[in-house]
Amino acid sequence: MSIRTGALYIRVSTQDQTELSPDAQKRLLLDYAKKNDIVIPDEFVFSESVSGRHAQKRPEFQRMIAVAKQPCHPIDVILVWKFSRFARNQEESIVYKSMLKKDNVEVISVSEPLVEGPFGTLIERIIEWMDEYYSIRLSGEVLRGMKEKALKKGYQTTPCLGYDAVGKGKPFVINESEYKIVSYIMDLYDNYNLDETAIARRCNDLGYRTKRGNLFEKRNIDRILSNPFYCGTVIWNGIEFEGSHETRLSRDRYEERMKLIASKKHKIKSRNASTCKHWLSGLLKCPVCGSTLCYTGNNKCPFFQCWKYARGIHKGSASISVKRAEEAVMEYFDQILSVQNFAYTYTGEMADNTRQIEHIQKELSRLSVKESRIREAYENGIDTLEEYKSNKDRLNISRLKLNADLIRLNKEDAGKTEDSKAVKKIQSFSDILRDTDVSCELKGSIIRKIVEQIVYEKESQQMNFTIIIS
């Protein structure tokens, strides 16, 4: 018998408890090769621990096939412990064996010897079918076992960011370094009114990474914010139970966040402020076609222009300089504050105006003290300009929230409550929009709380505002 060059393919699956270990498979295959004059180079030993249902998910298997199909035909035979190690999908098994056969590469199972001829081929097909049937049955058994484990409140999902698994169905434990990232994300959304895209950017700037070590994206932030696991609920394949793992997020805070997320989903055509190049981006509309006026800031005089007009879709320019647009918004707010009579849509509910007024007034006084302190820290060189702006944005957001609560709680006549609330809200927003130290992102978030859209009539030089007060 002539000496042949062979390769070993060794595979184990964590689902199958009856198979031999990789070392045991390798020993049996090398013994067979030695007895049958087959030389096995070290570089032709391919081993991996994955399921055999799908060949495209087995990188070592694919590498072995690629080597065997090379024009120089370096491999004459591939040895496996059982045909089920080569494949547990009969269709794939036939395809890959046929490919190898064209290059005179034989696949041999050392524990399932076959006779030559049609009968041997028939037996091989029967073995392949039984392997596939076993694989399907095993998957079903594993799924039933996992379902039973879930019904008994066992932990088996992949841990989310901030938690680590301990095995044997025991509750996950908090990973302190990861949970700091989770807390940071939740605080930015719940307390500082940042959208998911802006939060992802901040996390990436700080060097934070996802559970898999990747950069954060909007979808990663969405999953963290809406994951009930952080407040105690475990969900697996439709089975839900209250877990016994440690939690640091209250149920009330989680439910309030979910209401906020749901309310934002109803805003059609709204844009996250963090994605806008200017705080008016997405709000200015063309009177001809209703499309958004796009911001162009690549020259000395930045302006807004209808994108459909820019592409020649319709006649009639709707361009307006950024400076004029900003001035028009401020003039409109000044007019509202002087006349205090304007059209708007009120989407909130009449609230009880009898509680906590004194407490809110004290908090507002404290904010003023804090604001003076952060300015002193900046002027004395303790904080950088970026730190000063960040702290000021945070205080402005807190002031907006407190002012909104104060308006809701103030005792006023039922017929005047909505108008008073609207005027005071616009007053507080107008002050922040005029502040040059406030970031574009925060201004964009603020104006979207009261302005739904602005239609600019270029011929008459007028802007028609759609105001919504909640």
Protein backbone atom coordinates (compact mmCIF):
# COMPACT_ATOMS: atom_id res chain seq x y z
CA MET A 1 0.00 0.00 0.00
CA SER A 2 1.40 3.43 -0.96
CA ILE A 3 1.90 6.09 1.67
CA ARG A 4 -0.82 8.76 1.66
CA THR A 5 -1.01 12.23 3.21
CA GLY A 6 -3.94 12.69 5.54
CA ALA A 7 -5.70 15.29 7.66
CA LEU A 8 -7.50 14.90 10.96
CA TYR A 9 -10.78 16.63 11.64
CA ILE A 10 -11.66 16.66 15.34
CA ARG A 11 -14.89 18.22 16.58
CA VAL A 12 -16.70 18.23 19.90
CA SER A 13 -20.11 19.70 20.71
CA THR A 14 -21.03 20.90 24.18
CA GLN A 15 -24.56 19.53 23.68
CA ASP A 16 -23.37 15.95 23.17
CA GLN A 17 -22.24 14.33 26.43
CA THR A 18 -21.51 10.93 24.85
CA GLU A 19 -18.70 11.87 22.46
CA LEU A 20 -14.99 11.43 23.05
CA SER A 21 -12.77 14.29 24.10
CA PRO A 22 -10.56 16.00 21.46
CA ASP A 23 -7.46 14.29 22.84
CA ALA A 24 -9.13 10.85 22.74
CA GLN A 25 -10.32 11.43 19.15
CA LYS A 26 -6.84 12.54 18.07
CA ARG A 27 -5.21 9.47 19.64
CA LEU A 28 -7.59 7.07 17.87
CA LEU A 29 -7.16 8.83 14.53
CA LEU A 30 -3.34 8.83 14.75
CA ASP A 31 -3.38 5.11 15.64
CA TYR A 32 -5.50 4.41 12.57
CA ALA A 33 -3.22 6.53 10.37
CA LYS A 34 -0.10 4.72 11.59
CA LYS A 35 -1.61 1.28 10.92
CA ASN A 36 -2.75 2.29 7.42
CA ASP A 37 0.41 4.10 6.17
CA ILE A 38 -1.14 7.58 6.36
CA VAL A 39 1.16 10.48 7.21
CA ILE A 40 -0.44 13.30 9.21
CA PRO A 41 1.52 16.61 9.15
CA ASP A 42 1.02 18.81 12.24
CA GLU A 43 -0.51 21.60 10.13
CA PHE A 44 -3.21 19.20 8.89
CA VAL A 45 -4.78 18.63 12.31
CA PHE A 46 -8.02 20.63 12.40
CA SER A 47 -9.93 20.84 15.68
CA GLU A 48 -12.87 22.92 16.97
CA SER A 49 -15.68 22.88 19.55
CA VAL A 50 -18.89 23.80 17.73
CA SER A 51 -22.19 22.30 16.65
CA GLY A 52 -22.13 20.27 13.44
CA ARG A 53 -25.53 21.31 12.12
CA HIS A 54 -24.20 24.05 9.83
CA ALA A 55 -20.84 23.83 8.09
CA GLN A 56 -20.58 27.57 7.36
CA LYS A 57 -20.39 28.20 11.12
CA ARG A 58 -17.32 25.96 11.50
CA PRO A 59 -14.19 27.95 10.56
CA GLU A 60 -11.71 25.07 10.98
CA PHE A 61 -13.86 22.80 8.82
CA GLN A 62 -13.98 25.46 6.10
CA ARG A 63 -10.21 25.94 6.32
CA MET A 64 -9.67 22.18 5.94
CA ILE A 65 -11.91 22.03 2.85
CA ALA A 66 -10.02 24.99 1.35
CA VAL A 67 -6.66 23.26 1.89
CA ALA A 68 -7.92 19.99 0.45
CA LYS A 69 -9.24 21.78 -2.68
CA GLN A 70 -5.94 23.47 -3.50
CA PRO A 71 -4.58 22.76 -7.02
CA CYS A 72 -1.57 20.91 -5.58
CA HIS A 73 -3.91 18.40 -3.83
CA PRO A 74 -1.94 18.25 -0.55
CA ILE A 75 -4.46 15.91 1.17
CA ASP A 76 -5.40 12.39 0.07
CA VAL A 77 -7.67 11.39 2.94
CA ILE A 78 -9.53 13.01 5.84
CA LEU A 79 -9.90 10.97 9.02
CA VAL A 80 -12.75 11.48 11.50
CA TRP A 81 -13.74 9.52 14.56
CA LYS A 82 -17.35 9.26 13.32
CA PHE A 83 -19.14 10.59 10.26
CA SER A 84 -21.19 12.75 12.66
CA ARG A 85 -17.96 14.68 13.40
CA PHE A 86 -17.72 15.60 9.70
CA ALA A 87 -21.36 16.75 9.47
CA ARG A 88 -24.73 16.22 11.14
CA ASN A 89 -26.66 17.57 8.22
CA GLN A 90 -27.10 14.93 5.52
CA GLU A 91 -27.44 17.43 2.70
CA GLU A 92 -24.21 19.25 3.63
CA SER A 93 -22.42 15.95 4.21
CA ILE A 94 -23.22 14.77 0.68
CA VAL A 95 -22.25 18.14 -0.85
CA TYR A 96 -18.84 18.39 0.83
CA LYS A 97 -17.98 14.74 0.31
CA SER A 98 -18.84 15.08 -3.39
CA MET A 99 -16.62 18.17 -3.64
CA LEU A 100 -13.72 16.31 -2.05
CA LYS A 101 -14.31 13.21 -4.15
CA LYS A 102 -13.76 15.24 -7.34
CA ASP A 103 -10.21 15.88 -6.10
CA ASN A 104 -9.78 12.25 -5.04
CA VAL A 105 -9.97 13.10 -1.34
CA GLU A 106 -11.56 10.34 0.72
CA VAL A 107 -13.40 10.80 4.04
CA ILE A 108 -12.95 7.86 6.43
CA SER A 109 -14.68 7.22 9.76
CA VAL A 110 -12.29 5.11 11.86
CA SER A 111 -15.12 3.77 14.07
CA GLU A 112 -17.60 3.09 11.23
CA PRO A 113 -15.79 1.02 8.57
CA LEU A 114 -17.65 0.64 5.28
CA VAL A 115 -17.43 -2.01 2.57
CA GLU A 116 -16.74 -0.83 -0.94
CA GLY A 117 -19.46 -0.67 -3.56
CA PRO A 118 -23.14 0.38 -3.62
CA PHE A 119 -23.94 -1.35 -0.34
CA GLY A 120 -21.24 0.60 1.47
CA THR A 121 -22.61 3.84 0.00
CA LEU A 122 -26.11 2.90 1.19
CA ILE A 123 -24.84 2.23 4.71
CA GLU A 124 -23.03 5.58 4.71
CA ARG A 125 -26.26 7.40 3.75
CA ILE A 126 -28.14 5.58 6.52
CA ILE A 127 -25.48 6.64 9.04
CA GLU A 128 -25.72 10.25 7.85
CA TRP A 129 -29.51 10.20 8.16
CA MET A 130 -29.28 8.76 11.69
CA ASP A 131 -26.72 11.42 12.67
CA GLU A 132 -29.02 14.18 11.45
CA TYR A 133 -32.01 12.64 13.23
CA TYR A 134 -29.97 12.42 16.45
CA SER A 135 -28.92 16.06 16.09
CA ILE A 136 -32.53 17.22 15.65
CA ARG A 137 -33.66 15.13 18.58
CA LEU A 138 -30.79 16.37 20.74
CA SER A 139 -31.69 19.99 19.95
CA GLY A 140 -35.26 19.32 21.03
CA GLU A 141 -34.09 17.74 24.27
CA VAL A 142 -31.78 20.67 24.97
CA LEU A 143 -34.61 23.15 24.30
CA ARG A 144 -36.97 21.27 26.60
CA GLY A 145 -34.30 21.21 29.29
CA MET A 146 -33.73 24.95 28.96
CA LYS A 147 -37.48 25.59 29.15
CA GLU A 148 -37.75 23.50 32.30
CA LYS A 149 -34.82 25.41 33.75
CA ALA A 150 -36.51 28.72 33.00
CA LEU A 151 -39.77 27.54 34.60
CA LYS A 152 -37.76 26.74 37.74
CA LYS A 153 -36.34 30.30 37.66
CA GLY A 154 -32.90 29.24 36.53
CA TYR A 155 -30.53 31.74 34.88
CA GLN A 156 -29.31 30.68 31.42
CA THR A 157 -29.37 33.72 29.14
CA THR A 158 -26.20 35.53 28.15
CA PRO A 159 -25.48 38.12 30.87
CA CYS A 160 -26.20 41.71 29.89
CA LEU A 161 -23.70 44.51 30.43
CA GLY A 162 -23.13 44.93 34.15
CA TYR A 163 -23.62 41.28 35.12
CA ASP A 164 -21.58 38.05 35.08
CA ALA A 165 -22.83 34.47 35.03
CA VAL A 166 -21.78 32.06 37.78
CA GLY A 167 -23.14 28.85 36.23
CA LYS A 168 -25.52 26.08 37.29
CA GLY A 169 -28.56 28.31 36.89
CA LYS A 170 -27.57 30.55 39.80
CA PRO A 171 -28.44 34.27 39.77
CA PHE A 172 -26.06 36.51 37.88
CA VAL A 173 -23.79 38.77 39.94
CA ILE A 174 -22.98 42.42 39.36
CA ASN A 175 -19.77 43.30 37.54
CA GLU A 176 -18.93 46.63 39.19
CA SER A 177 -16.76 48.04 36.40
CA GLU A 178 -19.41 47.27 33.77
CA TYR A 179 -22.31 48.45 35.91
CA LYS A 180 -20.73 51.90 36.17
CA ILE A 181 -21.26 52.18 32.41
CA VAL A 182 -24.89 51.07 32.74
CA SER A 183 -25.52 53.64 35.52
CA TYR A 184 -23.89 56.35 33.42
CA ILE A 185 -26.13 55.55 30.45
CA MET A 186 -29.31 55.49 32.53
CA ASP A 187 -28.46 58.75 34.28
CA LEU A 188 -27.80 60.57 30.99
CA TYR A 189 -31.18 59.46 29.64
CA ASP A 190 -33.30 59.80 32.79
CA ASN A 191 -31.77 62.92 34.33
CA TYR A 192 -30.09 64.86 31.52
CA ASN A 193 -32.56 64.28 28.68
CA LEU A 194 -29.91 63.05 26.21
CA ASP A 195 -31.04 60.86 23.33
CA GLU A 196 -29.60 57.43 22.60
CA THR A 197 -27.27 58.59 19.83
CA ALA A 198 -25.72 61.30 22.00
CA ILE A 199 -25.26 58.82 24.84
CA ALA A 200 -23.52 56.34 22.52
CA ARG A 201 -21.12 59.07 21.40
CA ARG A 202 -20.26 60.02 24.97
CA CYS A 203 -19.65 56.40 25.96
CA ASN A 204 -17.32 55.89 23.01
CA ASP A 205 -15.46 59.12 23.80
CA LEU A 206 -14.84 57.85 27.33
CA GLY A 207 -13.52 54.54 26.02
CA TYR A 208 -16.50 52.50 27.23
CA ARG A 209 -17.33 49.33 25.30
CA THR A 210 -20.23 46.90 25.02
CA LYS A 211 -20.29 43.45 26.58
CA ARG A 212 -18.63 42.10 23.42
CA GLY A 213 -15.99 44.82 23.41
CA ASN A 214 -17.48 46.81 20.53
CA LEU A 215 -18.19 50.52 20.18
CA PHE A 216 -21.60 51.64 21.39
CA GLU A 217 -24.37 52.30 18.88
CA LYS A 218 -27.89 53.67 19.31
CA ARG A 219 -29.34 50.14 19.38
CA ASN A 220 -27.00 49.13 22.24
CA ILE A 221 -28.23 52.06 24.30
CA ASP A 222 -31.87 51.21 23.46
CA ARG A 223 -31.41 47.66 24.72
CA ILE A 224 -29.85 48.76 27.99
CA LEU A 225 -32.52 51.39 28.67
CA SER A 226 -35.42 49.01 27.94
CA ASN A 227 -33.99 45.81 29.47
CA PRO A 228 -36.21 44.79 32.44
CA PHE A 229 -33.42 42.58 33.81
CA TYR A 230 -31.90 45.65 35.46
CA CYS A 231 -34.99 46.04 37.65
CA GLY A 232 -35.39 42.33 38.41
CA THR A 233 -37.34 40.69 35.57
CA VAL A 234 -35.78 37.72 33.76
CA ILE A 235 -37.13 36.81 30.30
CA TRP A 236 -36.17 33.72 28.30
CA ASN A 237 -37.99 32.61 25.15
CA GLY A 238 -41.32 34.08 26.27
CA ILE A 239 -40.98 32.81 29.86
CA GLU A 240 -40.86 35.64 32.40
CA PHE A 241 -40.17 35.60 36.13
CA GLU A 242 -38.93 37.87 38.89
CA GLY A 243 -35.32 36.93 39.50
CA SER A 244 -33.34 36.86 42.70
CA HIS A 245 -30.29 38.69 41.35
CA GLU A 246 -29.14 41.98 42.87
CA THR A 247 -30.74 45.04 41.27
CA ARG A 248 -30.01 48.76 41.61
CA LEU A 249 -32.74 50.11 39.35
CA SER A 250 -36.15 50.70 40.94
CA ARG A 251 -39.26 49.45 39.21
CA ASP A 252 -40.81 52.94 39.30
CA ARG A 253 -37.83 54.50 37.56
CA TYR A 254 -37.83 51.80 34.90
CA GLU A 255 -41.56 52.20 34.21
CA GLU A 256 -41.25 55.99 33.98
CA ARG A 257 -38.45 55.56 31.46
CA MET A 258 -40.51 53.13 29.38
CA LYS A 259 -43.38 55.66 29.28
CA LEU A 260 -40.93 58.30 28.07
CA ILE A 261 -39.52 55.97 25.41
CA ALA A 262 -43.05 55.09 24.24
CA SER A 263 -44.05 58.74 24.04
CA LYS A 264 -41.05 59.58 21.88
CA LYS A 265 -41.86 56.78 19.45
CA HIS A 266 -45.14 58.49 18.58
CA LYS A 267 -43.36 61.60 17.32
CA ILE A 268 -43.35 61.02 13.58
CA LYS A 269 -40.52 62.53 11.57
CA SER A 270 -38.81 63.81 14.73
CA ARG A 271 -35.02 63.91 14.80
CA ASN A 272 -32.64 63.45 17.68
CA ALA A 273 -31.03 66.74 18.57
CA SER A 274 -27.61 65.08 18.68
CA THR A 275 -27.85 64.21 14.97
CA CYS A 276 -28.51 67.82 13.95
CA LYS A 277 -25.83 70.21 12.74
CA HIS A 278 -27.80 73.20 14.08
CA TRP A 279 -30.41 73.45 16.81
CA LEU A 280 -33.02 74.49 14.21
CA SER A 281 -32.22 71.59 11.89
CA GLY A 282 -35.29 69.49 11.14
CA LEU A 283 -37.75 72.16 12.34
CA LEU A 284 -37.69 74.60 9.41
CA LYS A 285 -40.05 73.54 6.61
CA CYS A 286 -40.46 74.61 2.98
CA PRO A 287 -43.82 76.33 2.20
CA VAL A 288 -43.80 74.89 -1.34
CA CYS A 289 -43.42 71.18 -0.66
CA GLY A 290 -43.31 70.85 3.13
CA SER A 291 -39.85 69.29 3.11
CA THR A 292 -37.17 70.07 5.67
CA LEU A 293 -34.77 72.95 5.05
CA CYS A 294 -31.25 71.52 5.20
CA TYR A 295 -28.41 73.28 7.00
CA THR A 296 -25.41 74.35 4.92
CA GLY A 297 -22.55 75.60 7.03
CA ASN A 298 -19.56 75.27 4.73
CA ASN A 299 -19.22 78.96 3.87
CA LYS A 300 -18.93 82.33 5.61
CA CYS A 301 -22.69 82.80 5.65
CA PRO A 302 -24.36 79.49 6.68
CA PHE A 303 -27.97 79.09 5.59
CA PHE A 304 -30.94 76.72 5.37
CA GLN A 305 -32.37 75.59 2.02
CA CYS A 306 -35.06 73.13 0.87
CA TRP A 307 -33.31 69.97 -0.30
CA LYS A 308 -35.92 69.39 -3.03
CA TYR A 309 -35.31 72.86 -4.44
CA ALA A 310 -31.55 72.24 -4.32
CA ARG A 311 -32.07 69.11 -6.43
CA GLY A 312 -34.28 70.90 -8.93
CA ILE A 313 -37.48 69.09 -7.94
CA HIS A 314 -39.51 72.29 -7.64
CA LYS A 315 -39.19 76.02 -8.26
CA GLY A 316 -39.20 78.66 -5.59
CA SER A 317 -36.25 78.96 -3.23
CA ALA A 318 -36.91 78.88 0.52
CA SER A 319 -33.40 79.77 1.67
CA ILE A 320 -32.80 81.73 4.84
CA SER A 321 -29.55 82.59 6.59
CA VAL A 322 -28.84 80.95 9.92
CA LYS A 323 -28.50 84.36 11.55
CA ARG A 324 -31.90 85.51 10.28
CA ALA A 325 -33.56 82.23 11.31
CA GLU A 326 -32.21 82.51 14.85
CA GLU A 327 -33.27 86.16 15.09
CA ALA A 328 -36.78 85.28 13.85
CA VAL A 329 -37.19 82.64 16.54
CA MET A 330 -36.07 85.04 19.27
CA GLU A 331 -38.37 87.80 17.93
CA TYR A 332 -41.31 85.40 17.95
CA PHE A 333 -40.65 84.38 21.55
CA ASP A 334 -40.29 88.05 22.57
CA GLN A 335 -43.64 88.77 20.96
CA ILE A 336 -45.28 85.94 22.87
CA LEU A 337 -43.82 87.13 26.15
CA SER A 338 -44.92 90.73 25.59
CA VAL A 339 -48.43 90.01 24.33
CA GLN A 340 -48.95 86.64 26.07
CA ASN A 341 -51.67 85.77 23.57
CA PHE A 342 -50.82 83.14 20.98
CA ALA A 343 -52.12 79.95 19.44
CA TYR A 344 -50.79 76.61 20.63
CA THR A 345 -51.81 73.02 21.21
CA TYR A 346 -51.86 71.82 24.81
CA THR A 347 -51.14 68.10 25.15
CA GLY A 348 -50.71 67.83 28.92
CA GLU A 349 -53.21 67.20 31.64
CA MET A 350 -54.53 69.61 34.25
CA ALA A 351 -52.62 68.78 37.36
CA ASP A 352 -53.01 69.33 41.07
CA ASN A 353 -51.43 72.73 41.84
CA THR A 354 -51.39 72.45 45.62
CA ARG A 355 -48.24 70.50 46.49
CA GLN A 356 -44.51 70.92 46.84
CA ILE A 357 -44.30 74.57 45.73
CA GLU A 358 -42.12 75.56 48.65
CA HIS A 359 -39.80 72.61 48.09
CA ILE A 360 -39.33 73.46 44.41
CA GLN A 361 -38.61 77.12 45.21
CA LYS A 362 -35.88 76.03 47.62
CA GLU A 363 -34.39 73.77 44.95
CA LEU A 364 -34.38 76.66 42.48
CA SER A 365 -32.53 78.82 45.04
CA ARG A 366 -29.97 76.05 45.49
CA LEU A 367 -29.47 75.85 41.74
CA SER A 368 -28.63 79.55 41.67
CA VAL A 369 -26.00 79.00 44.35
CA LYS A 370 -24.57 76.03 42.43
CA GLU A 371 -24.47 78.09 39.24
CA SER A 372 -22.41 80.80 40.91
CA ARG A 373 -20.03 78.17 42.29
CA ILE A 374 -19.35 76.52 38.93
CA ARG A 375 -18.75 79.96 37.38
CA GLU A 376 -16.25 80.74 40.15
CA ALA A 377 -14.56 77.37 39.56
CA TYR A 378 -14.18 78.20 35.88
CA GLU A 379 -12.98 81.76 36.45
CA ASN A 380 -10.42 80.56 39.01
CA GLY A 381 -9.05 77.97 36.59
CA ILE A 382 -10.28 74.96 38.56
CA ASP A 383 -12.62 73.72 35.79
CA THR A 384 -12.00 73.79 32.05
CA LEU A 385 -14.37 75.51 29.64
CA GLU A 386 -15.79 72.13 28.61
CA GLU A 387 -16.41 71.17 32.24
CA TYR A 388 -18.04 74.52 32.89
CA LYS A 389 -20.38 74.16 29.91
CA SER A 390 -21.25 70.58 30.87
CA ASN A 391 -22.08 71.61 34.45
CA LYS A 392 -24.10 74.57 33.24
CA ASP A 393 -26.09 72.36 30.84
CA ARG A 394 -26.84 70.01 33.71
CA LEU A 395 -28.10 72.84 35.93
CA ASN A 396 -30.18 74.29 33.09
CA ILE A 397 -31.89 70.96 32.55
CA SER A 398 -32.65 70.71 36.28
CA ARG A 399 -33.99 74.28 36.28
CA LEU A 400 -36.24 73.52 33.31
CA LYS A 401 -37.66 70.51 35.05
CA LEU A 402 -38.24 72.39 38.30
CA ASN A 403 -39.85 75.33 36.49
CA ALA A 404 -42.14 72.98 34.62
CA ASP A 405 -43.16 71.36 37.91
CA LEU A 406 -43.68 74.74 39.53
CA ILE A 407 -45.95 75.88 36.71
CA ARG A 408 -47.98 72.74 37.08
CA LEU A 409 -48.28 73.15 40.83
CA ASN A 410 -48.98 76.89 41.06
CA LYS A 411 -52.47 77.75 42.20
CA GLU A 412 -54.16 79.61 39.36
CA ASP A 413 -57.60 79.84 37.91
CA ALA A 414 -58.52 76.82 35.84
CA GLY A 415 -58.98 78.96 32.73
CA LYS A 416 -55.56 80.60 33.09
CA THR A 417 -53.45 77.60 34.09
CA GLU A 418 -52.59 76.44 30.58
CA ASP A 419 -51.73 79.91 29.25
CA SER A 420 -49.62 80.73 32.28
CA LYS A 421 -47.79 77.45 31.97
CA ALA A 422 -47.12 78.02 28.29
CA VAL A 423 -45.78 81.54 28.81
CA LYS A 424 -43.51 80.55 31.67
CA LYS A 425 -42.22 77.56 29.76
CA ILE A 426 -41.38 79.72 26.75
CA GLN A 427 -39.73 82.28 29.04
CA SER A 428 -37.38 79.70 30.55
CA PHE A 429 -36.64 78.14 27.14
CA SER A 430 -36.03 81.53 25.54
CA ASP A 431 -33.41 82.43 28.15
CA ILE A 432 -31.48 79.23 27.46
CA LEU A 433 -31.66 79.62 23.66
CA ARG A 434 -30.07 83.06 23.99
CA ASP A 435 -27.23 81.78 26.17
CA THR A 436 -24.09 81.45 24.05
CA ASP A 437 -22.55 79.06 26.59
CA VAL A 438 -25.29 76.46 26.09
CA SER A 439 -24.42 73.70 23.62
CA CYS A 440 -26.17 73.30 20.27
CA GLU A 441 -27.30 69.83 21.32
CA LEU A 442 -29.08 71.11 24.45
CA LYS A 443 -30.70 73.98 22.54
CA GLY A 444 -31.97 71.50 19.97
CA SER A 445 -33.49 69.32 22.70
CA ILE A 446 -35.14 72.31 24.37
CA ILE A 447 -36.77 73.92 21.35
CA ARG A 448 -38.23 70.56 20.30
CA LYS A 449 -40.19 70.54 23.55
CA ILE A 450 -42.34 73.46 22.41
CA VAL A 451 -41.90 73.85 18.63
CA GLU A 452 -43.17 71.15 16.29
CA GLN A 453 -42.30 72.92 13.05
CA ILE A 454 -41.59 76.34 11.52
CA VAL A 455 -42.77 77.10 7.97
CA TYR A 456 -40.75 79.89 6.39
CA GLU A 457 -42.55 82.08 3.82
CA LYS A 458 -39.72 83.71 1.91
CA GLU A 459 -41.85 86.14 -0.11
CA SER A 460 -43.50 87.66 2.92
CA GLN A 461 -40.45 87.08 5.16
CA GLN A 462 -42.68 85.45 7.76
CA MET A 463 -42.33 82.35 9.88
CA ASN A 464 -45.36 80.36 10.94
CA PHE A 465 -44.76 78.46 14.17
CA THR A 466 -46.60 75.35 15.34
CA ILE A 467 -46.33 75.40 19.13
CA ILE A 468 -47.11 72.43 21.36
CA ILE A 469 -47.14 72.72 25.16
CA SER A 470 -47.24 69.54 27.21
